[in-house]
Structure formats: C-alpha cells, structure tokens
Protein backbone atom coordinates (compact mmCIF):
# COMPACT_ATOMS: atom_id res chain seq x y z
CA UNK A 1 45.37 -10.83 9.66
CA UNK A 2 42.79 -10.24 6.90
CA UNK A 3 40.44 -12.97 8.08
CA UNK A 4 38.70 -10.84 10.68
CA UNK A 5 37.92 -7.95 8.31
CA UNK A 6 36.63 -10.47 5.78
CA UNK A 7 34.24 -11.91 8.37
CA UNK A 8 33.07 -8.41 9.29
CA UNK A 9 32.47 -7.63 5.64
CA UNK A 10 30.57 -10.88 5.20
CA UNK A 11 28.35 -10.01 8.14
CA UNK A 12 27.74 -6.56 6.71
CA UNK A 13 26.79 -8.03 3.34
CA UNK A 14 24.44 -10.50 5.01
CA UNK A 15 22.85 -7.71 7.03
CA UNK A 16 22.39 -5.67 3.86
CA UNK A 17 20.80 -8.65 2.12
CA UNK A 18 18.37 -9.14 5.00
CA UNK A 19 17.53 -5.45 4.96
CA UNK A 20 16.81 -5.61 1.25
CA UNK A 21 14.65 -8.68 1.77
CA UNK A 22 12.60 -6.77 4.32
CA UNK A 23 12.25 -3.73 2.08
CA UNK A 24 14.74 -1.00 1.28
CA UNK A 25 14.33 2.26 3.13
CA UNK A 26 11.71 0.87 5.51
CA UNK A 27 10.55 3.25 8.28
CA UNK A 28 11.77 2.73 11.81
CA UNK A 29 8.40 2.64 13.67
CA UNK A 30 9.68 4.29 16.83
CA UNK A 31 7.45 4.95 19.83
CA UNK A 32 8.19 8.71 19.93
CA UNK A 33 9.17 11.40 17.40
CA UNK A 34 12.72 12.70 17.23
CA UNK A 35 11.56 16.08 18.58
CA UNK A 36 8.24 17.33 19.93
CA UNK A 37 5.64 17.46 17.15
CA UNK A 38 1.84 17.75 17.15
CA UNK A 39 -0.13 16.41 14.20
CA UNK A 40 -3.48 16.96 15.88
CA UNK A 41 -6.24 19.01 14.31
CA UNK A 42 -8.86 19.17 11.58
CA UNK A 43 -7.22 19.43 8.17
CA UNK A 44 -8.51 20.23 4.68
CA UNK A 45 -6.65 19.44 1.46
CA UNK A 46 -5.08 22.24 -0.60
CA UNK A 47 -5.54 21.10 -4.22
CA UNK A 48 -3.21 23.71 -5.71
CA UNK A 49 -0.33 22.51 -3.51
CA UNK A 50 -1.06 18.79 -3.92
CA UNK A 51 -0.46 16.22 -6.64
CA UNK A 52 -3.24 15.43 -9.10
CA UNK A 53 -4.14 12.12 -7.48
CA UNK A 54 -6.81 11.20 -10.04
CA UNK A 55 -4.37 11.59 -12.96
CA UNK A 56 -1.63 9.64 -11.16
CA UNK A 57 -3.99 6.78 -10.35
CA UNK A 58 -5.35 6.70 -13.88
CA UNK A 59 -1.85 6.48 -15.31
CA UNK A 60 -0.97 3.57 -13.01
CA UNK A 61 -3.98 1.41 -13.90
CA UNK A 62 -3.02 -1.82 -15.67
CA UNK A 63 -4.11 -2.41 -19.22
CA UNK A 64 -6.99 -4.90 -19.37
CA UNK A 65 -5.97 -8.40 -20.38
CA UNK A 66 -8.40 -10.71 -22.18
CA UNK A 67 -9.41 -13.76 -20.21
CA UNK A 68 -8.42 -16.94 -22.02
CA UNK A 69 -9.92 -20.37 -21.51
CA UNK A 70 -7.87 -23.18 -20.05
CA UNK A 71 -7.81 -25.01 -23.39
CA UNK A 72 -6.01 -22.06 -24.96
CA UNK A 73 -3.51 -21.91 -22.08
CA UNK A 74 -2.94 -25.63 -22.44
CA UNK A 75 -2.42 -25.32 -26.18
CA UNK A 76 0.21 -22.64 -25.65
CA UNK A 77 1.96 -24.90 -23.13
CA UNK A 78 1.96 -27.91 -25.47
CA UNK A 79 -0.57 -29.93 -23.47
CA UNK A 80 -3.53 -31.80 -24.87
CA UNK A 81 -6.61 -30.19 -23.22
CA UNK A 82 -8.27 -33.60 -23.09
CA UNK A 83 -5.49 -34.96 -20.92
CA UNK A 84 -5.58 -32.10 -18.37
CA UNK A 85 -2.51 -30.47 -16.83
CA UNK A 86 -0.76 -33.81 -16.24
CA UNK A 87 -1.58 -35.57 -19.51
CA UNK A 88 1.67 -37.16 -20.64
CA UNK A 89 0.55 -38.20 -24.16
CA UNK A 90 -0.42 -34.70 -25.13
CA UNK A 91 2.86 -33.04 -24.11
CA UNK A 92 5.18 -31.76 -26.74
CA UNK A 93 7.93 -29.24 -27.01
CA UNK A 94 10.05 -30.54 -24.07
CA UNK A 95 11.13 -27.86 -21.60
CA UNK A 96 9.22 -25.15 -23.45
CA UNK A 97 5.96 -26.79 -22.43
CA UNK A 98 6.83 -26.59 -18.73
CA UNK A 99 7.83 -22.95 -18.99
CA UNK A 100 4.67 -22.05 -20.85
CA UNK A 101 2.59 -23.99 -18.33
CA UNK A 102 4.07 -21.92 -15.50
CA UNK A 103 3.41 -18.73 -17.47
CA UNK A 104 -0.19 -19.83 -18.03
CA UNK A 105 -0.69 -20.47 -14.32
CA UNK A 106 0.78 -17.05 -13.46
CA UNK A 107 -1.50 -15.39 -16.01
CA UNK A 108 -4.50 -17.20 -14.57
CA UNK A 109 -3.73 -16.05 -11.00
CA UNK A 110 -6.39 -13.50 -9.98
CA UNK A 111 -5.10 -9.95 -9.35
CA UNK A 112 -5.25 -8.36 -5.86
CA UNK A 113 -8.50 -6.56 -6.71
CA UNK A 114 -10.28 -9.86 -7.41
CA UNK A 115 -13.30 -9.61 -9.67
CA UNK A 116 -13.81 -5.94 -8.97
CA UNK A 117 -12.44 -2.93 -10.77
CA UNK A 118 -8.74 -2.15 -10.52
CA UNK A 119 -9.66 1.54 -10.47
CA UNK A 120 -12.02 1.15 -7.51
CA UNK A 121 -9.45 -0.95 -5.68
CA UNK A 122 -6.60 1.54 -5.99
CA UNK A 123 -8.81 4.57 -5.30
CA UNK A 124 -10.10 2.98 -2.09
CA UNK A 125 -6.55 2.82 -0.71
CA UNK A 126 -4.59 5.58 -2.46
CA UNK A 127 -6.99 8.48 -3.12
CA UNK A 128 -6.21 11.17 -0.52
CA UNK A 129 -9.21 12.26 1.57
CA UNK A 130 -10.54 15.80 1.25
CA UNK A 131 -10.52 16.16 5.04
CA UNK A 132 -8.47 14.60 7.81
CA UNK A 133 -8.98 14.63 11.56
CA UNK A 134 -6.02 13.61 13.69
CA UNK A 135 -6.13 13.19 17.45
CA UNK A 136 -2.56 13.00 18.72
CA UNK A 137 -1.77 11.73 22.20
CA UNK A 138 1.63 10.62 23.52
CA UNK A 139 0.82 6.93 23.18
CA UNK A 140 -2.08 6.96 20.72
CA UNK A 141 -2.61 8.47 17.25
CA UNK A 142 -6.16 8.41 15.87
CA UNK A 143 -6.71 9.20 12.18
CA UNK A 144 -10.26 9.75 10.90
CA UNK A 145 -11.39 10.40 7.34
CA UNK A 146 -15.08 10.33 6.45
CA UNK A 147 -16.44 7.13 8.06
CA UNK A 148 -13.03 5.49 8.40
CA UNK A 149 -11.35 5.74 11.79
CA UNK A 150 -8.11 4.10 12.91
CA UNK A 151 -6.12 4.24 16.15
CA UNK A 152 -2.48 3.31 16.50
CA UNK A 153 -0.09 2.95 19.40
CA UNK A 154 3.28 4.03 17.99
CA UNK A 155 5.66 1.09 17.89
CA UNK A 156 2.93 -1.46 18.64
CA UNK A 157 2.95 -4.33 16.15
CA UNK A 158 -0.77 -4.98 16.68
CA UNK A 159 -2.60 -1.67 16.11
CA UNK A 160 -6.28 -1.30 16.94
CA UNK A 161 -8.80 -0.65 14.16
CA UNK A 162 -11.88 1.21 15.34
CA UNK A 163 -14.04 0.57 12.27
CA UNK A 164 -11.65 -0.30 9.44
CA UNK A 165 -11.18 -3.99 8.68
CA UNK A 166 -7.53 -4.95 8.33
CA UNK A 167 -8.38 -8.38 6.93
CA UNK A 168 -5.27 -10.33 5.94
CA UNK A 169 -3.09 -7.22 5.97
CA UNK A 170 -0.35 -6.83 8.54
CA UNK A 171 -0.15 -3.29 9.86
CA UNK A 172 2.66 -1.46 11.62
CA UNK A 173 2.76 2.16 12.75
CA UNK A 174 5.15 4.47 14.54
CA UNK A 175 7.43 7.46 14.23
CA UNK A 176 10.13 7.78 11.60
CA UNK A 177 12.01 10.88 12.66
CA UNK A 178 9.28 13.53 13.01
CA UNK A 179 6.85 11.80 10.64
CA UNK A 180 4.17 9.35 11.70
CA UNK A 181 4.03 6.36 9.35
CA UNK A 182 1.55 3.54 8.84
CA UNK A 183 2.50 0.52 6.74
CA UNK A 184 -0.02 -2.07 5.57
CA UNK A 185 1.02 -5.18 3.67
CA UNK A 186 -0.62 -8.32 2.35
CA UNK A 187 2.33 -10.55 1.49
CA UNK A 188 3.74 -9.57 -1.90
CA UNK A 189 0.30 -8.67 -3.26
CA UNK A 190 -0.19 -5.31 -1.61
CA UNK A 191 1.86 -2.70 0.26
CA UNK A 192 0.70 0.74 1.42
CA UNK A 193 2.90 3.25 3.21
CA UNK A 194 1.31 6.41 4.66
CA UNK A 195 3.43 9.26 5.96
CA UNK A 196 2.07 12.22 7.99
CA UNK A 197 4.28 15.17 8.94
CA UNK A 198 4.04 18.85 9.83
CA UNK A 199 5.05 21.45 7.27
CA UNK A 200 5.83 25.17 7.62
CA UNK A 201 2.98 27.72 7.79
CA UNK A 202 0.77 25.41 9.89
CA UNK A 203 0.36 22.85 7.11
CA UNK A 204 0.19 19.07 7.20
CA UNK A 205 1.92 16.87 4.65
CA UNK A 206 0.51 13.48 3.67
CA UNK A 207 2.34 11.11 1.35
CA UNK A 208 1.12 7.71 0.28
CA UNK A 209 2.99 5.01 -1.60
CA UNK A 210 0.79 2.26 -3.00
CA UNK A 211 2.16 -0.93 -4.56
CA UNK A 212 0.07 -3.84 -5.79
CA UNK A 213 0.84 -6.83 -7.96
CA UNK A 214 0.01 -6.18 -11.58
CA UNK A 215 0.21 -2.37 -11.56
CA UNK A 216 2.73 0.43 -11.30
CA UNK A 217 3.65 1.87 -7.91
CA UNK A 218 1.66 5.00 -7.07
CA UNK A 219 3.19 7.87 -5.10
CA UNK A 220 0.95 10.81 -4.17
CA UNK A 221 1.86 13.87 -2.12
CA UNK A 222 -0.88 16.02 -0.58
CA UNK A 223 -0.79 19.23 1.49
CA UNK A 224 -3.45 20.13 4.05
CA UNK A 225 -4.29 23.37 5.83
CA UNK A 226 -6.02 23.75 9.16
CA UNK A 227 -9.79 24.15 8.89
CA UNK A 228 -11.35 27.45 9.85
CA UNK A 229 -13.98 27.89 12.55
CA UNK A 230 -16.64 28.44 9.87
CA UNK A 231 -15.71 25.18 8.13
CA UNK A 232 -15.77 23.27 11.40
CA UNK A 233 -19.27 24.55 12.24
CA UNK A 234 -20.69 23.90 8.75
CA UNK A 235 -23.10 20.94 8.41
CA UNK A 236 -21.73 17.77 6.82
CA UNK A 237 -22.25 17.36 3.05
CA UNK A 238 -25.29 15.53 1.77
CA UNK A 239 -25.09 12.03 0.35
CA UNK A 240 -23.58 8.74 1.51
CA UNK A 241 -20.03 8.68 2.84
CA UNK A 242 -17.21 7.57 0.57
CA UNK A 243 -16.53 3.86 1.15
CA UNK A 244 -13.22 3.08 2.84
CA UNK A 245 -10.66 0.43 1.96
CA UNK A 246 -11.75 -3.18 2.27
C-alpha cells in the first residue's frame, strides 16, 4: 500500500530537482498581470529612496588576477612545457598533475567581460538609468532608457529588440503576479533579471539582479517618481548618450 505514495514522492523530488536545475524562484512569465496594473509613464529616479548602485557594483567587482604564462601553468600541473599539454615524459605527480591541469585551464578561461573592464561590463547591464519611459499596452511593453529601447510581448519566448542587440543571450519576459519581469541569460556566464512594479504614492519600483561568472551577484533596488510637466518639456542634456549593454 506504500508503493503509490513512494512513487508520488519520487515524482515530487524529481520535479523539485528539475526546478532547481532551471533556477530556483524563477518568474512565471505570464501573458497578463494578476490584476489590472499600468506601468506606463515617464519616470525619474529618486536617489534618496534607492540603493547606492555605484557602491554596490564597486563592492561586487572581482579582484584582479595576474595573467600567468602557459609555461607557469604547465609547471604547476607537473607538465614539461617543452612537451606541451600532452607530453608524457614531462608528467609527474600522478593524479595531482591532472587536477592542476584542469585548474590551469579554468584559470585561463576568459571572463564574461572579455578583454574589457569588469567595471564597465557590470555597469552597462546593472547600473539603473536616471530616467525610464515605459509604454504599456495589453500585449506589448516597451521600455526606453537613453538610447536603448526594447519591446516585449508578455509570455513570448522571442521578444523583439528595437535597437538593443541581444547577441547570444536568451531573453524571456512576462508578468509575475503584478510585476513585469525580463530575464536575460547567456548560458552559465551571465544572468540578468529585471523586475518592474508599481508602488504606493504613484511610484515605480525597479529591481535588478545581475549574476556573472567570476563576480558576486549584484542586487539593486531603485524607486522612481513620475516626471513633472516642466521636466518633460526641458531640453535633453548635452553630451553623448550613455552606451547601453552590448
């Protein structure tokens, strides 16, 4: 009589394992919010009510690691540099050499930000914009910040980018309760989760969670207020626009 419950439990455990493999606490990406909500408008950040994004990003930056030549990696792994990675005569140390060789290869793998600056890379994705413009329609959400403009059909697994290059990232967007979420991922190298939701007193909440290989996860919460008529009619600031994510 206990066989059936055991099978049910096994299925539940398997389902939990699959859920964990896909990411714990992942948003639901529904096509409509739980109740009627309007995110539309022109919004301006409220610094006093928002996290210090610059300090959070600075704290998350990885410590620079010196670049070592292959010969030094090979020496650590017990391999004769003259023989190359597969040189049998130069190997010593048994299993330790193989483990060190794997560690050397992992250390030599380029980080997600490539040859650029880790600071520039994380700021491009995680630094909250000073202003946000959101056009909300029943089947289309458009988010614009500076020169970056993106449009999403909630629940659509292939969102449209107006002028922001997705590259190798897979992007999903939709409603999670009454919050609109956008998730971008590049395998295990990069994951960005944006969350937009209305707050009391005609405010907009924006939360971003940024995870990249080789650095600590960054979580930043920002609060926006609706722009006034005077701010909307003011000329744009001088200087080039802030570059968007690559």
